[in-house]
């Protein structure tokens, strides 16, 4: 028996994820509800924040980029960058029970310095409270 085989007969222990997985919003109704809530604009993105008031402490996040952002390549690049900003900073800065929608901006989100983009996101969340 090698050292990698499990001798107890139970499933092997899986290590916990290094970064917590974000709960991503996908339904249009969730995005529409968030669009009616408070928002804060920054040079590289706009953040909408909605308190769900449903007693669920889960933080949900959504990402969107309109065709104004650019062609499909530019929109996908912008959304990848928004997802990474949220993955790195949202677990530390988010409030429990809130929904966040990150919106990409034309000609900026896909090209802005990533450190500056993270600072924009942190400042936006600070202003939202």
N, C-alpha and C. Protein backbone atom coordinates (compact mmCIF):
# COMPACT_ATOMS: atom_id res chain seq x y z
N UNK A 1 0.86 -1.18 0.00
CA UNK A 1 0.00 0.00 0.00
C UNK A 1 0.90 1.24 0.00
N UNK A 2 0.62 2.17 -0.88
CA UNK A 2 1.43 3.39 -0.95
C UNK A 2 0.95 4.39 0.09
N UNK A 3 1.73 5.42 0.30
CA UNK A 3 1.37 6.44 1.29
C UNK A 3 0.18 7.28 0.84
N UNK A 4 -0.17 7.23 -0.44
CA UNK A 4 -1.28 8.02 -0.94
C UNK A 4 -2.62 7.31 -0.77
N UNK A 5 -2.60 6.01 -0.55
CA UNK A 5 -3.84 5.27 -0.42
C UNK A 5 -4.44 5.49 0.95
N UNK A 6 -5.74 5.46 1.02
CA UNK A 6 -6.46 5.68 2.26
C UNK A 6 -6.67 4.33 2.93
N UNK A 7 -6.20 4.17 4.17
CA UNK A 7 -6.30 2.89 4.88
C UNK A 7 -7.55 2.79 5.72
N UNK A 8 -8.22 3.89 5.99
CA UNK A 8 -9.39 3.86 6.88
C UNK A 8 -10.66 3.42 6.17
N UNK A 9 -10.68 3.37 4.87
CA UNK A 9 -11.87 2.98 4.14
C UNK A 9 -12.84 4.12 3.90
N UNK A 10 -12.57 5.30 4.44
CA UNK A 10 -13.42 6.46 4.22
C UNK A 10 -12.86 7.30 3.10
N UNK A 11 -13.64 8.26 2.67
CA UNK A 11 -13.18 9.15 1.61
C UNK A 11 -11.99 9.97 2.11
N UNK A 12 -11.01 10.22 1.27
CA UNK A 12 -9.86 11.02 1.70
C UNK A 12 -10.28 12.45 2.01
N UNK A 13 -9.60 13.05 2.94
CA UNK A 13 -9.90 14.43 3.33
C UNK A 13 -9.49 15.38 2.21
N UNK A 14 -10.42 16.24 1.82
CA UNK A 14 -10.15 17.24 0.80
C UNK A 14 -9.72 18.53 1.49
N UNK A 15 -8.63 19.16 1.08
CA UNK A 15 -8.23 20.42 1.70
C UNK A 15 -9.22 21.51 1.37
N UNK A 16 -9.36 22.46 2.30
CA UNK A 16 -10.27 23.58 2.05
C UNK A 16 -9.69 24.48 0.98
N UNK A 17 -10.56 25.19 0.29
CA UNK A 17 -10.13 26.10 -0.77
C UNK A 17 -9.31 27.23 -0.17
N UNK A 18 -8.31 27.67 -0.89
CA UNK A 18 -7.48 28.75 -0.43
C UNK A 18 -8.28 30.04 -0.38
N UNK A 19 -9.11 30.27 -1.39
CA UNK A 19 -9.96 31.45 -1.44
C UNK A 19 -11.41 30.98 -1.40
N UNK A 20 -12.25 31.67 -0.64
CA UNK A 20 -13.66 31.26 -0.62
C UNK A 20 -14.31 31.52 -1.98
N UNK A 21 -15.17 30.63 -2.38
CA UNK A 21 -15.86 30.77 -3.65
C UNK A 21 -17.00 31.76 -3.48
N UNK A 22 -17.13 32.66 -4.42
CA UNK A 22 -18.19 33.66 -4.38
C UNK A 22 -19.49 33.07 -4.91
N UNK A 23 -20.59 33.49 -4.35
CA UNK A 23 -21.90 33.10 -4.87
C UNK A 23 -22.25 34.10 -5.96
N UNK A 24 -22.37 33.62 -7.18
CA UNK A 24 -22.57 34.49 -8.33
C UNK A 24 -24.05 34.55 -8.70
N UNK A 25 -24.52 35.76 -8.90
CA UNK A 25 -25.91 35.96 -9.34
C UNK A 25 -25.98 35.71 -10.84
N UNK A 26 -27.06 35.04 -11.27
CA UNK A 26 -27.21 34.76 -12.69
C UNK A 26 -28.58 35.14 -13.23
N UNK A 27 -29.55 35.32 -12.35
CA UNK A 27 -30.91 35.59 -12.81
C UNK A 27 -31.12 37.08 -13.05
N UNK A 28 -31.83 37.37 -14.11
CA UNK A 28 -32.11 38.77 -14.47
C UNK A 28 -32.81 39.52 -13.35
N UNK A 29 -33.73 38.88 -12.66
CA UNK A 29 -34.49 39.53 -11.59
C UNK A 29 -33.55 40.00 -10.47
N UNK A 30 -32.50 39.25 -10.20
CA UNK A 30 -31.53 39.64 -9.17
C UNK A 30 -30.78 40.90 -9.58
N UNK A 31 -30.42 40.98 -10.85
CA UNK A 31 -29.72 42.16 -11.36
C UNK A 31 -30.63 43.38 -11.37
N UNK A 32 -31.89 43.18 -11.72
CA UNK A 32 -32.84 44.30 -11.74
C UNK A 32 -33.07 44.82 -10.33
N UNK A 33 -33.19 43.92 -9.35
CA UNK A 33 -33.35 44.35 -7.96
C UNK A 33 -32.14 45.14 -7.50
N UNK A 34 -30.95 44.72 -7.87
CA UNK A 34 -29.74 45.44 -7.48
C UNK A 34 -29.64 46.78 -8.18
N UNK A 35 -30.20 46.90 -9.38
CA UNK A 35 -30.11 48.16 -10.12
C UNK A 35 -30.93 49.26 -9.46
N UNK A 36 -31.89 48.88 -8.63
CA UNK A 36 -32.71 49.87 -7.93
C UNK A 36 -32.07 50.31 -6.61
N UNK A 37 -30.97 49.72 -6.25
CA UNK A 37 -30.31 50.01 -4.98
C UNK A 37 -29.25 51.09 -5.15
N UNK A 38 -28.50 51.34 -4.08
CA UNK A 38 -27.45 52.35 -4.11
C UNK A 38 -26.31 51.93 -5.03
N UNK A 39 -25.63 52.91 -5.61
CA UNK A 39 -24.48 52.62 -6.45
C UNK A 39 -23.43 53.69 -6.27
N UNK A 40 -22.21 53.33 -6.65
CA UNK A 40 -21.09 54.27 -6.59
C UNK A 40 -20.23 54.05 -7.83
N UNK A 41 -19.93 55.13 -8.52
CA UNK A 41 -19.09 55.05 -9.70
C UNK A 41 -17.65 55.40 -9.36
N UNK A 42 -16.76 54.77 -10.07
CA UNK A 42 -15.32 55.03 -9.96
C UNK A 42 -14.79 55.10 -11.39
N UNK A 43 -13.55 55.52 -11.56
CA UNK A 43 -13.02 55.63 -12.93
C UNK A 43 -13.07 54.32 -13.74
N UNK A 44 -12.88 53.18 -13.08
CA UNK A 44 -12.79 51.94 -13.84
C UNK A 44 -14.01 51.05 -13.75
N UNK A 45 -14.95 51.32 -12.82
CA UNK A 45 -16.11 50.46 -12.67
C UNK A 45 -17.19 51.17 -11.87
N UNK A 46 -18.38 50.60 -11.91
CA UNK A 46 -19.49 51.05 -11.09
C UNK A 46 -19.90 49.87 -10.21
N UNK A 47 -20.17 50.15 -8.94
CA UNK A 47 -20.58 49.10 -8.01
C UNK A 47 -21.98 49.41 -7.51
N UNK A 48 -22.88 48.44 -7.64
CA UNK A 48 -24.22 48.55 -7.07
C UNK A 48 -24.26 47.64 -5.84
N UNK A 49 -24.86 48.14 -4.75
CA UNK A 49 -24.95 47.36 -3.53
C UNK A 49 -26.39 47.36 -3.02
N UNK A 50 -26.91 46.17 -2.77
CA UNK A 50 -28.29 46.03 -2.32
C UNK A 50 -28.34 45.17 -1.07
N UNK A 51 -29.00 45.67 -0.04
CA UNK A 51 -29.25 44.89 1.17
C UNK A 51 -30.51 44.06 0.91
N UNK A 52 -30.36 42.74 0.95
CA UNK A 52 -31.49 41.86 0.63
C UNK A 52 -32.52 41.80 1.76
N UNK A 53 -32.14 42.01 2.99
CA UNK A 53 -33.05 41.95 4.15
C UNK A 53 -33.83 40.64 4.21
N UNK A 54 -33.17 39.53 3.87
CA UNK A 54 -33.86 38.24 3.90
C UNK A 54 -33.32 37.31 4.99
N UNK A 55 -32.40 37.81 5.82
CA UNK A 55 -31.85 37.00 6.90
C UNK A 55 -30.75 36.05 6.48
N UNK A 56 -30.48 35.95 5.21
CA UNK A 56 -29.42 35.08 4.70
C UNK A 56 -28.12 35.86 4.67
N UNK A 57 -27.07 35.39 5.38
CA UNK A 57 -25.82 36.15 5.44
C UNK A 57 -24.94 36.01 4.19
N UNK A 58 -25.38 35.23 3.22
CA UNK A 58 -24.58 35.01 2.01
C UNK A 58 -24.37 36.31 1.24
N UNK A 59 -23.15 36.50 0.78
CA UNK A 59 -22.83 37.65 -0.08
C UNK A 59 -22.88 37.14 -1.52
N UNK A 60 -23.66 37.82 -2.36
CA UNK A 60 -23.75 37.44 -3.76
C UNK A 60 -23.16 38.55 -4.62
N UNK A 61 -22.63 38.16 -5.76
CA UNK A 61 -22.01 39.13 -6.65
C UNK A 61 -22.40 38.81 -8.09
N UNK A 62 -22.54 39.88 -8.88
CA UNK A 62 -22.84 39.74 -10.30
C UNK A 62 -21.91 40.65 -11.09
N UNK A 63 -21.73 40.33 -12.35
CA UNK A 63 -20.83 41.08 -13.22
C UNK A 63 -21.55 41.37 -14.53
N UNK A 64 -21.37 42.57 -15.05
CA UNK A 64 -21.99 42.89 -16.32
C UNK A 64 -21.16 43.93 -17.07
N UNK A 65 -21.16 43.77 -18.37
CA UNK A 65 -20.50 44.72 -19.27
C UNK A 65 -21.39 44.84 -20.51
N UNK A 66 -21.83 46.03 -20.81
CA UNK A 66 -22.67 46.23 -21.99
C UNK A 66 -21.81 46.26 -23.25
N UNK A 67 -22.45 46.34 -24.38
CA UNK A 67 -21.71 46.41 -25.63
C UNK A 67 -20.94 47.72 -25.79
N UNK A 68 -21.27 48.70 -24.95
CA UNK A 68 -20.52 49.96 -24.96
C UNK A 68 -19.07 49.74 -24.56
N UNK A 69 -18.82 48.69 -23.76
CA UNK A 69 -17.46 48.39 -23.29
C UNK A 69 -16.56 48.03 -24.47
N UNK A 70 -17.13 47.42 -25.49
CA UNK A 70 -16.33 47.07 -26.66
C UNK A 70 -16.84 45.78 -27.28
N UNK A 71 -16.01 45.20 -28.12
CA UNK A 71 -16.39 43.94 -28.76
C UNK A 71 -16.34 42.80 -27.74
N UNK A 72 -16.63 41.59 -28.16
CA UNK A 72 -16.70 40.45 -27.25
C UNK A 72 -15.38 40.22 -26.51
N UNK A 73 -14.28 40.42 -27.18
CA UNK A 73 -12.97 40.22 -26.56
C UNK A 73 -12.78 41.23 -25.42
N UNK A 74 -13.10 42.48 -25.67
CA UNK A 74 -12.94 43.52 -24.63
C UNK A 74 -13.90 43.29 -23.46
N UNK A 75 -15.14 42.90 -23.77
CA UNK A 75 -16.12 42.64 -22.70
C UNK A 75 -15.68 41.46 -21.84
N UNK A 76 -15.22 40.40 -22.46
CA UNK A 76 -14.78 39.23 -21.70
C UNK A 76 -13.55 39.55 -20.85
N UNK A 77 -12.63 40.31 -21.40
CA UNK A 77 -11.45 40.71 -20.64
C UNK A 77 -11.86 41.56 -19.44
N UNK A 78 -12.79 42.50 -19.66
CA UNK A 78 -13.26 43.36 -18.57
C UNK A 78 -13.94 42.52 -17.49
N UNK A 79 -14.77 41.57 -17.88
CA UNK A 79 -15.45 40.74 -16.89
C UNK A 79 -14.47 39.85 -16.12
N UNK A 80 -13.45 39.34 -16.80
CA UNK A 80 -12.42 38.54 -16.10
C UNK A 80 -11.73 39.39 -15.04
N UNK A 81 -11.42 40.63 -15.38
CA UNK A 81 -10.76 41.52 -14.43
C UNK A 81 -11.69 41.87 -13.26
N UNK A 82 -12.97 42.09 -13.55
CA UNK A 82 -13.94 42.37 -12.48
C UNK A 82 -14.08 41.17 -11.55
N UNK A 83 -14.11 39.96 -12.13
CA UNK A 83 -14.21 38.75 -11.30
C UNK A 83 -13.00 38.61 -10.39
N UNK A 84 -11.83 38.93 -10.89
CA UNK A 84 -10.62 38.81 -10.09
C UNK A 84 -10.60 39.84 -8.97
N UNK A 85 -11.02 41.06 -9.25
CA UNK A 85 -11.10 42.09 -8.21
C UNK A 85 -12.06 41.64 -7.11
N UNK A 86 -13.21 41.11 -7.51
CA UNK A 86 -14.19 40.65 -6.53
C UNK A 86 -13.65 39.46 -5.73
N UNK A 87 -12.98 38.55 -6.39
CA UNK A 87 -12.44 37.37 -5.71
C UNK A 87 -11.41 37.76 -4.66
N UNK A 88 -10.58 38.75 -4.98
CA UNK A 88 -9.53 39.15 -4.06
C UNK A 88 -10.04 40.03 -2.92
N UNK A 89 -10.95 40.94 -3.21
CA UNK A 89 -11.30 41.97 -2.22
C UNK A 89 -12.68 41.83 -1.58
N UNK A 90 -13.63 41.22 -2.26
CA UNK A 90 -14.98 41.17 -1.72
C UNK A 90 -15.09 40.40 -0.41
N UNK A 91 -14.41 39.26 -0.23
CA UNK A 91 -14.53 38.56 1.06
C UNK A 91 -14.13 39.42 2.27
N UNK A 92 -13.20 40.34 2.09
CA UNK A 92 -12.75 41.20 3.19
C UNK A 92 -13.66 42.41 3.37
N UNK A 93 -14.22 42.93 2.29
CA UNK A 93 -14.90 44.22 2.33
C UNK A 93 -16.43 44.14 2.32
N UNK A 94 -16.98 43.00 1.95
CA UNK A 94 -18.43 42.89 1.77
C UNK A 94 -19.17 42.81 3.09
N UNK A 95 -20.42 43.25 3.05
CA UNK A 95 -21.31 43.12 4.20
C UNK A 95 -22.18 41.88 4.00
N UNK A 96 -22.41 41.15 5.06
CA UNK A 96 -23.24 39.95 4.98
C UNK A 96 -24.66 40.32 4.57
N UNK A 97 -25.26 39.47 3.75
CA UNK A 97 -26.64 39.68 3.33
C UNK A 97 -26.83 40.71 2.25
N UNK A 98 -25.77 41.05 1.54
CA UNK A 98 -25.84 42.07 0.49
C UNK A 98 -25.53 41.45 -0.87
N UNK A 99 -26.08 42.07 -1.90
CA UNK A 99 -25.76 41.73 -3.29
C UNK A 99 -24.90 42.85 -3.86
N UNK A 100 -23.92 42.48 -4.64
CA UNK A 100 -23.04 43.45 -5.30
C UNK A 100 -23.04 43.17 -6.79
N UNK A 101 -23.15 44.21 -7.59
CA UNK A 101 -23.04 44.08 -9.04
C UNK A 101 -21.91 45.00 -9.49
N UNK A 102 -20.93 44.44 -10.18
CA UNK A 102 -19.81 45.20 -10.71
C UNK A 102 -20.05 45.41 -12.20
N UNK A 103 -20.02 46.67 -12.62
CA UNK A 103 -20.32 47.02 -14.00
C UNK A 103 -19.07 47.61 -14.65
N UNK A 104 -18.70 47.06 -15.79
CA UNK A 104 -17.54 47.54 -16.52
C UNK A 104 -17.83 48.84 -17.25
N UNK A 105 -16.77 49.63 -17.46
CA UNK A 105 -16.91 50.90 -18.16
C UNK A 105 -16.15 50.88 -19.48
N UNK A 106 -16.66 51.68 -20.40
CA UNK A 106 -16.12 51.75 -21.76
C UNK A 106 -14.66 52.20 -21.75
N UNK A 107 -13.84 51.46 -22.48
CA UNK A 107 -12.43 51.80 -22.73
C UNK A 107 -11.57 51.89 -21.48
N UNK A 108 -12.08 51.52 -20.30
CA UNK A 108 -11.29 51.68 -19.08
C UNK A 108 -11.11 50.36 -18.35
N UNK A 109 -12.17 49.62 -18.14
CA UNK A 109 -12.11 48.42 -17.32
C UNK A 109 -11.12 47.40 -17.87
N UNK A 110 -11.07 47.24 -19.16
CA UNK A 110 -10.19 46.24 -19.76
C UNK A 110 -8.74 46.70 -19.81
N UNK A 111 -8.47 47.99 -19.64
CA UNK A 111 -7.11 48.48 -19.83
C UNK A 111 -6.49 49.14 -18.60
N UNK A 112 -7.27 49.50 -17.60
CA UNK A 112 -6.75 50.22 -16.43
C UNK A 112 -5.80 49.32 -15.64
N UNK A 113 -4.81 49.95 -15.00
CA UNK A 113 -3.87 49.25 -14.15
C UNK A 113 -4.65 48.48 -13.08
N UNK A 114 -4.29 47.21 -12.86
CA UNK A 114 -5.07 46.36 -11.97
C UNK A 114 -5.04 46.85 -10.52
N UNK A 115 -3.92 47.35 -10.07
CA UNK A 115 -3.84 47.88 -8.70
C UNK A 115 -4.77 49.08 -8.54
N UNK A 116 -4.81 49.95 -9.53
CA UNK A 116 -5.70 51.11 -9.49
C UNK A 116 -7.16 50.66 -9.51
N UNK A 117 -7.43 49.60 -10.24
CA UNK A 117 -8.79 49.08 -10.30
C UNK A 117 -9.23 48.55 -8.94
N UNK A 118 -8.33 47.85 -8.26
CA UNK A 118 -8.64 47.36 -6.91
C UNK A 118 -8.87 48.51 -5.95
N UNK A 119 -8.09 49.58 -6.09
CA UNK A 119 -8.28 50.76 -5.23
C UNK A 119 -9.64 51.41 -5.52
N UNK A 120 -10.01 51.51 -6.80
CA UNK A 120 -11.32 52.05 -7.17
C UNK A 120 -12.44 51.24 -6.52
N UNK A 121 -12.30 49.93 -6.55
CA UNK A 121 -13.32 49.07 -5.97
C UNK A 121 -13.42 49.27 -4.46
N UNK A 122 -12.29 49.31 -3.77
CA UNK A 122 -12.28 49.51 -2.32
C UNK A 122 -12.88 50.87 -1.94
N UNK A 123 -12.53 51.92 -2.70
CA UNK A 123 -13.09 53.24 -2.42
C UNK A 123 -14.60 53.27 -2.64
N UNK A 124 -15.05 52.61 -3.69
CA UNK A 124 -16.49 52.57 -3.98
C UNK A 124 -17.24 51.88 -2.85
N UNK A 125 -16.71 50.75 -2.37
CA UNK A 125 -17.37 50.03 -1.29
C UNK A 125 -17.33 50.86 0.00
N UNK A 126 -16.24 51.59 0.22
CA UNK A 126 -16.16 52.46 1.40
C UNK A 126 -17.21 53.55 1.36
N UNK A 127 -17.43 54.13 0.20
CA UNK A 127 -18.44 55.20 0.07
C UNK A 127 -19.86 54.64 0.19
N UNK A 128 -20.05 53.40 -0.24
CA UNK A 128 -21.37 52.81 -0.11
C UNK A 128 -21.71 52.45 1.35
N UNK A 129 -20.68 52.36 2.16
CA UNK A 129 -20.92 52.11 3.58
C UNK A 129 -20.69 50.70 3.88
